[in-house]
Amino acid sequence: MSEILFAEFYESLVKLAKSFEEKDLLLKIQPDLEANIIRIYGEKTDSLVLAKTGLEGISELAYTTAEHHPYWSLIFNSSQILKTVLEKWNDNLTKEELDEISWNADEIKNTARKLEEK
């Protein structure tokens, strides 16, 4: 899709969203036209939901990146920590979850050391 067509699509989307504002449906549109990405959020979307959604993209990268990539462990273990924390945001972390977070943090430290040695 060309950048011009995507920008036209975005403008049409903004008009569509405004037509729903007249029906009391508030939408937040967050464009990144250079990356050909448009995010649309409903008015009840909070920052915790946005963080979980953003983490899905990071997790996908972690799951699809080959383990031999030098940064794989950094992104994978970081995303695992964030996933656990976001899932339990309004609850208490269990001992097992804290142990897993600690293990992931150790893996991040080990990877950082290996990268420093190179």
N, C-alpha and C. Protein backbone atom coordinates (compact mmCIF):
# COMPACT_ATOMS: atom_id res chain seq x y z
N MET A 1 0.85 -1.17 0.00
CA MET A 1 0.00 0.00 0.00
C MET A 1 0.89 1.23 0.00
N SER A 2 0.60 2.14 -0.87
CA SER A 2 1.42 3.35 -0.93
C SER A 2 1.11 4.25 0.26
N GLU A 3 2.09 5.10 0.57
CA GLU A 3 1.92 6.03 1.70
C GLU A 3 0.76 6.98 1.45
N ILE A 4 0.57 7.39 0.21
CA ILE A 4 -0.52 8.31 -0.11
C ILE A 4 -1.86 7.64 0.13
N LEU A 5 -2.02 6.41 -0.32
CA LEU A 5 -3.27 5.69 -0.10
C LEU A 5 -3.52 5.46 1.39
N PHE A 6 -2.49 5.17 2.13
CA PHE A 6 -2.66 4.93 3.56
C PHE A 6 -3.07 6.22 4.26
N ALA A 7 -2.48 7.33 3.86
CA ALA A 7 -2.86 8.63 4.44
C ALA A 7 -4.31 8.96 4.10
N GLU A 8 -4.73 8.64 2.89
CA GLU A 8 -6.13 8.84 2.50
C GLU A 8 -7.05 7.96 3.35
N PHE A 9 -6.64 6.74 3.56
CA PHE A 9 -7.41 5.83 4.41
C PHE A 9 -7.55 6.42 5.81
N TYR A 10 -6.46 6.93 6.35
CA TYR A 10 -6.48 7.53 7.67
C TYR A 10 -7.47 8.70 7.73
N GLU A 11 -7.43 9.57 6.74
CA GLU A 11 -8.35 10.71 6.71
C GLU A 11 -9.80 10.24 6.66
N SER A 12 -10.07 9.20 5.90
CA SER A 12 -11.43 8.65 5.85
C SER A 12 -11.82 8.05 7.20
N LEU A 13 -10.87 7.44 7.85
CA LEU A 13 -11.12 6.85 9.16
C LEU A 13 -11.44 7.93 10.20
N VAL A 14 -10.74 9.03 10.14
CA VAL A 14 -11.01 10.15 11.05
C VAL A 14 -12.43 10.66 10.83
N LYS A 15 -12.84 10.80 9.58
CA LYS A 15 -14.21 11.25 9.28
C LYS A 15 -15.23 10.25 9.83
N LEU A 16 -14.96 8.99 9.65
CA LEU A 16 -15.86 7.94 10.17
C LEU A 16 -15.96 8.02 11.69
N ALA A 17 -14.83 8.18 12.35
CA ALA A 17 -14.82 8.28 13.81
C ALA A 17 -15.63 9.50 14.27
N LYS A 18 -15.49 10.61 13.56
CA LYS A 18 -16.24 11.82 13.92
C LYS A 18 -17.74 11.58 13.76
N SER A 19 -18.13 10.80 12.77
CA SER A 19 -19.55 10.53 12.59
C SER A 19 -20.10 9.72 13.77
N PHE A 20 -19.27 8.91 14.40
CA PHE A 20 -19.71 8.15 15.57
C PHE A 20 -19.70 9.00 16.84
N GLU A 21 -18.91 10.06 16.85
CA GLU A 21 -18.93 10.98 17.99
C GLU A 21 -20.32 11.61 18.12
N GLU A 22 -20.99 11.84 16.99
CA GLU A 22 -22.34 12.39 17.01
C GLU A 22 -23.32 11.42 17.67
N LYS A 23 -22.95 10.15 17.72
CA LYS A 23 -23.78 9.11 18.36
C LYS A 23 -23.26 8.80 19.77
N ASP A 24 -22.42 9.68 20.30
CA ASP A 24 -21.84 9.56 21.66
C ASP A 24 -20.90 8.37 21.82
N LEU A 25 -20.25 7.97 20.75
CA LEU A 25 -19.19 6.96 20.84
C LEU A 25 -17.86 7.68 20.63
N LEU A 26 -17.12 7.83 21.72
CA LEU A 26 -15.84 8.53 21.63
C LEU A 26 -14.73 7.54 21.31
N LEU A 27 -13.94 7.89 20.34
CA LEU A 27 -12.82 7.05 19.93
C LEU A 27 -11.54 7.86 19.97
N LYS A 28 -10.47 7.19 20.30
CA LYS A 28 -9.16 7.83 20.22
C LYS A 28 -8.42 7.13 19.08
N ILE A 29 -7.92 7.92 18.17
CA ILE A 29 -7.18 7.38 17.03
C ILE A 29 -5.74 7.83 17.17
N GLN A 30 -4.86 6.86 17.11
CA GLN A 30 -3.43 7.14 17.26
C GLN A 30 -2.72 6.66 15.99
N PRO A 31 -2.39 7.58 15.09
CA PRO A 31 -1.75 7.17 13.84
C PRO A 31 -0.23 7.17 13.93
N ASP A 32 0.36 6.26 13.22
CA ASP A 32 1.80 6.27 12.93
C ASP A 32 1.88 6.02 11.43
N LEU A 33 1.69 7.07 10.69
CA LEU A 33 1.56 6.92 9.24
C LEU A 33 2.84 6.45 8.58
N GLU A 34 3.99 6.78 9.16
CA GLU A 34 5.25 6.30 8.59
C GLU A 34 5.36 4.78 8.67
N ALA A 35 4.80 4.20 9.72
CA ALA A 35 4.85 2.75 9.90
C ALA A 35 3.60 2.06 9.35
N ASN A 36 2.68 2.85 8.77
CA ASN A 36 1.40 2.31 8.29
C ASN A 36 0.62 1.60 9.39
N ILE A 37 0.56 2.27 10.54
CA ILE A 37 -0.18 1.73 11.68
C ILE A 37 -1.14 2.79 12.19
N ILE A 38 -2.37 2.35 12.45
CA ILE A 38 -3.36 3.20 13.08
C ILE A 38 -3.98 2.39 14.21
N ARG A 39 -3.93 2.97 15.41
CA ARG A 39 -4.55 2.32 16.56
C ARG A 39 -5.83 3.07 16.90
N ILE A 40 -6.88 2.30 17.19
CA ILE A 40 -8.16 2.90 17.55
C ILE A 40 -8.56 2.35 18.90
N TYR A 41 -8.86 3.26 19.83
CA TYR A 41 -9.23 2.88 21.18
C TYR A 41 -10.60 3.44 21.51
N GLY A 42 -11.37 2.66 22.22
CA GLY A 42 -12.64 3.14 22.74
C GLY A 42 -12.41 3.98 23.98
N GLU A 43 -13.42 4.72 24.37
CA GLU A 43 -13.28 5.65 25.49
C GLU A 43 -13.03 4.95 26.82
N LYS A 44 -13.38 3.69 26.95
CA LYS A 44 -13.18 2.98 28.21
C LYS A 44 -11.84 2.25 28.28
N THR A 45 -11.04 2.40 27.25
CA THR A 45 -9.73 1.77 27.24
C THR A 45 -8.81 2.50 28.21
N ASP A 46 -8.24 1.75 29.15
CA ASP A 46 -7.35 2.39 30.12
C ASP A 46 -5.89 2.05 29.84
N SER A 47 -5.00 2.64 30.61
CA SER A 47 -3.57 2.46 30.35
C SER A 47 -3.11 1.03 30.58
N LEU A 48 -3.75 0.30 31.49
CA LEU A 48 -3.38 -1.10 31.70
C LEU A 48 -3.71 -1.94 30.46
N VAL A 49 -4.85 -1.73 29.90
CA VAL A 49 -5.24 -2.45 28.67
C VAL A 49 -4.29 -2.09 27.53
N LEU A 50 -3.94 -0.82 27.42
CA LEU A 50 -3.01 -0.40 26.37
C LEU A 50 -1.65 -1.04 26.56
N ALA A 51 -1.19 -1.13 27.80
CA ALA A 51 0.11 -1.76 28.08
C ALA A 51 0.08 -3.24 27.71
N LYS A 52 -1.00 -3.93 28.05
CA LYS A 52 -1.11 -5.35 27.70
C LYS A 52 -1.13 -5.54 26.19
N THR A 53 -1.84 -4.67 25.51
CA THR A 53 -1.90 -4.76 24.05
C THR A 53 -0.54 -4.49 23.41
N GLY A 54 0.16 -3.50 23.92
CA GLY A 54 1.50 -3.21 23.41
C GLY A 54 2.46 -4.35 23.66
N LEU A 55 2.29 -5.01 24.79
CA LEU A 55 3.15 -6.14 25.11
C LEU A 55 2.95 -7.31 24.16
N GLU A 56 1.75 -7.43 23.60
CA GLU A 56 1.49 -8.50 22.65
C GLU A 56 2.44 -8.41 21.46
N GLY A 57 2.69 -7.20 20.97
CA GLY A 57 3.62 -7.03 19.85
C GLY A 57 5.04 -7.39 20.24
N ILE A 58 5.44 -7.00 21.43
CA ILE A 58 6.78 -7.33 21.92
C ILE A 58 6.91 -8.84 22.10
N SER A 59 5.90 -9.45 22.67
CA SER A 59 5.93 -10.91 22.86
C SER A 59 6.00 -11.64 21.54
N GLU A 60 5.26 -11.16 20.56
CA GLU A 60 5.29 -11.78 19.23
C GLU A 60 6.69 -11.72 18.65
N LEU A 61 7.36 -10.59 18.80
CA LEU A 61 8.74 -10.49 18.33
C LEU A 61 9.63 -11.47 19.08
N ALA A 62 9.44 -11.57 20.38
CA ALA A 62 10.26 -12.49 21.19
C ALA A 62 10.04 -13.94 20.77
N TYR A 63 8.79 -14.30 20.48
CA TYR A 63 8.48 -15.68 20.11
C TYR A 63 8.94 -16.03 18.70
N THR A 64 9.02 -15.02 17.83
CA THR A 64 9.38 -15.32 16.44
C THR A 64 10.86 -15.07 16.14
N THR A 65 11.58 -14.49 17.08
CA THR A 65 13.01 -14.25 16.88
C THR A 65 13.77 -15.52 17.24
N ALA A 66 14.69 -15.89 16.39
CA ALA A 66 15.47 -17.10 16.64
C ALA A 66 16.30 -16.95 17.91
N GLU A 67 16.42 -18.03 18.65
CA GLU A 67 17.17 -18.00 19.91
C GLU A 67 18.64 -17.64 19.72
N HIS A 68 19.16 -17.80 18.54
CA HIS A 68 20.57 -17.47 18.33
C HIS A 68 20.79 -15.96 18.13
N HIS A 69 19.72 -15.18 18.00
CA HIS A 69 19.87 -13.72 17.88
C HIS A 69 20.43 -13.21 19.20
N PRO A 70 21.42 -12.32 19.17
CA PRO A 70 22.06 -11.88 20.41
C PRO A 70 21.12 -11.20 21.41
N TYR A 71 20.03 -10.61 20.94
CA TYR A 71 19.12 -9.90 21.84
C TYR A 71 17.89 -10.71 22.22
N TRP A 72 17.78 -11.92 21.70
CA TRP A 72 16.58 -12.72 21.94
C TRP A 72 16.28 -12.87 23.42
N SER A 73 17.26 -13.24 24.21
CA SER A 73 17.03 -13.46 25.63
C SER A 73 16.60 -12.18 26.34
N LEU A 74 17.14 -11.06 25.92
CA LEU A 74 16.75 -9.78 26.54
C LEU A 74 15.27 -9.49 26.33
N ILE A 75 14.83 -9.62 25.08
CA ILE A 75 13.44 -9.29 24.79
C ILE A 75 12.49 -10.35 25.34
N PHE A 76 12.88 -11.62 25.25
CA PHE A 76 12.01 -12.69 25.74
C PHE A 76 11.82 -12.58 27.25
N ASN A 77 12.92 -12.51 27.99
CA ASN A 77 12.81 -12.48 29.45
C ASN A 77 12.18 -11.19 29.96
N SER A 78 12.46 -10.09 29.30
CA SER A 78 11.81 -8.83 29.68
C SER A 78 10.30 -8.92 29.46
N SER A 79 9.91 -9.48 28.33
CA SER A 79 8.47 -9.58 28.05
C SER A 79 7.78 -10.54 29.01
N GLN A 80 8.48 -11.58 29.45
CA GLN A 80 7.90 -12.50 30.42
C GLN A 80 7.66 -11.80 31.76
N ILE A 81 8.61 -10.98 32.18
CA ILE A 81 8.44 -10.22 33.43
C ILE A 81 7.25 -9.28 33.29
N LEU A 82 7.22 -8.53 32.20
CA LEU A 82 6.13 -7.57 32.00
C LEU A 82 4.77 -8.27 31.93
N LYS A 83 4.72 -9.40 31.27
CA LYS A 83 3.46 -10.15 31.16
C LYS A 83 2.95 -10.53 32.54
N THR A 84 3.81 -11.06 33.37
CA THR A 84 3.42 -11.47 34.71
C THR A 84 2.95 -10.27 35.52
N VAL A 85 3.70 -9.19 35.47
CA VAL A 85 3.36 -8.00 36.24
C VAL A 85 2.03 -7.40 35.78
N LEU A 86 1.83 -7.30 34.47
CA LEU A 86 0.59 -6.72 33.97
C LEU A 86 -0.62 -7.59 34.28
N GLU A 87 -0.44 -8.91 34.22
CA GLU A 87 -1.54 -9.81 34.55
C GLU A 87 -1.95 -9.69 36.01
N LYS A 88 -1.00 -9.41 36.87
CA LYS A 88 -1.27 -9.32 38.30
C LYS A 88 -1.33 -7.89 38.81
N TRP A 89 -1.48 -6.92 37.94
CA TRP A 89 -1.41 -5.51 38.28
C TRP A 89 -2.30 -5.14 39.48
N ASN A 90 -3.47 -5.71 39.53
CA ASN A 90 -4.41 -5.40 40.60
C ASN A 90 -4.47 -6.48 41.68
N ASP A 91 -3.54 -7.40 41.65
CA ASP A 91 -3.47 -8.49 42.62
C ASP A 91 -2.07 -8.56 43.18
N ASN A 92 -1.86 -9.51 44.07
CA ASN A 92 -0.53 -9.74 44.63
C ASN A 92 0.20 -10.81 43.83
N LEU A 93 1.48 -10.62 43.65
CA LEU A 93 2.31 -11.65 43.00
C LEU A 93 2.56 -12.77 44.01
N THR A 94 2.48 -14.01 43.53
CA THR A 94 2.76 -15.15 44.38
C THR A 94 4.27 -15.35 44.51
N LYS A 95 4.67 -16.16 45.45
CA LYS A 95 6.10 -16.49 45.61
C LYS A 95 6.63 -17.10 44.33
N GLU A 96 5.86 -18.00 43.71
CA GLU A 96 6.30 -18.65 42.47
C GLU A 96 6.49 -17.62 41.35
N GLU A 97 5.58 -16.67 41.26
CA GLU A 97 5.70 -15.63 40.24
C GLU A 97 6.92 -14.74 40.50
N LEU A 98 7.15 -14.41 41.75
CA LEU A 98 8.33 -13.60 42.10
C LEU A 98 9.61 -14.38 41.81
N ASP A 99 9.60 -15.69 42.08
CA ASP A 99 10.77 -16.52 41.76
C ASP A 99 11.02 -16.53 40.26
N GLU A 100 9.95 -16.64 39.48
CA GLU A 100 10.11 -16.64 38.02
C GLU A 100 10.62 -15.29 37.53
N ILE A 101 10.11 -14.21 38.09
CA ILE A 101 10.60 -12.88 37.73
C ILE A 101 12.09 -12.77 38.04
N SER A 102 12.48 -13.25 39.19
CA SER A 102 13.90 -13.22 39.59
C SER A 102 14.74 -14.03 38.61
N TRP A 103 14.24 -15.21 38.20
CA TRP A 103 14.96 -16.05 37.25
C TRP A 103 15.10 -15.32 35.91
N ASN A 104 14.00 -14.70 35.43
CA ASN A 104 14.05 -13.94 34.18
C ASN A 104 15.05 -12.79 34.29
N ALA A 105 15.07 -12.12 35.43
CA ALA A 105 16.01 -11.01 35.63
C ALA A 105 17.46 -11.51 35.59
N ASP A 106 17.69 -12.68 36.18
CA ASP A 106 19.04 -13.27 36.12
C ASP A 106 19.44 -13.58 34.69
N GLU A 107 18.49 -14.07 33.91
CA GLU A 107 18.77 -14.37 32.50
C GLU A 107 19.11 -13.08 31.74
N ILE A 108 18.43 -12.00 32.06
CA ILE A 108 18.73 -10.71 31.43
C ILE A 108 20.15 -10.28 31.80
N LYS A 109 20.50 -10.41 33.07
CA LYS A 109 21.85 -10.04 33.52
C LYS A 109 22.90 -10.89 32.83
N ASN A 110 22.66 -12.20 32.73
CA ASN A 110 23.62 -13.09 32.07
C ASN A 110 23.82 -12.71 30.60
N THR A 111 22.73 -12.41 29.93
CA THR A 111 22.82 -12.01 28.53
C THR A 111 23.57 -10.70 28.39
N ALA A 112 23.30 -9.75 29.28
CA ALA A 112 23.99 -8.46 29.23
C ALA A 112 25.49 -8.65 29.43
N ARG A 113 25.87 -9.54 30.34
CA ARG A 113 27.30 -9.82 30.56
C ARG A 113 27.93 -10.41 29.30
N LYS A 114 27.23 -11.35 28.68
CA LYS A 114 27.75 -11.97 27.46
C LYS A 114 27.92 -10.92 26.35
N LEU A 115 26.97 -10.01 26.26
CA LEU A 115 27.07 -8.96 25.24
C LEU A 115 28.22 -8.00 25.52
N GLU A 116 28.47 -7.73 26.80
CA GLU A 116 29.61 -6.87 27.17
C GLU A 116 30.94 -7.53 26.80
N GLU A 117 31.01 -8.84 26.92
CA GLU A 117 32.25 -9.56 26.65
C GLU A 117 32.59 -9.59 25.17
N LYS A 118 31.61 -9.38 24.32
CA LYS A 118 31.87 -9.43 22.88
C LYS A 118 32.52 -8.18 22.39
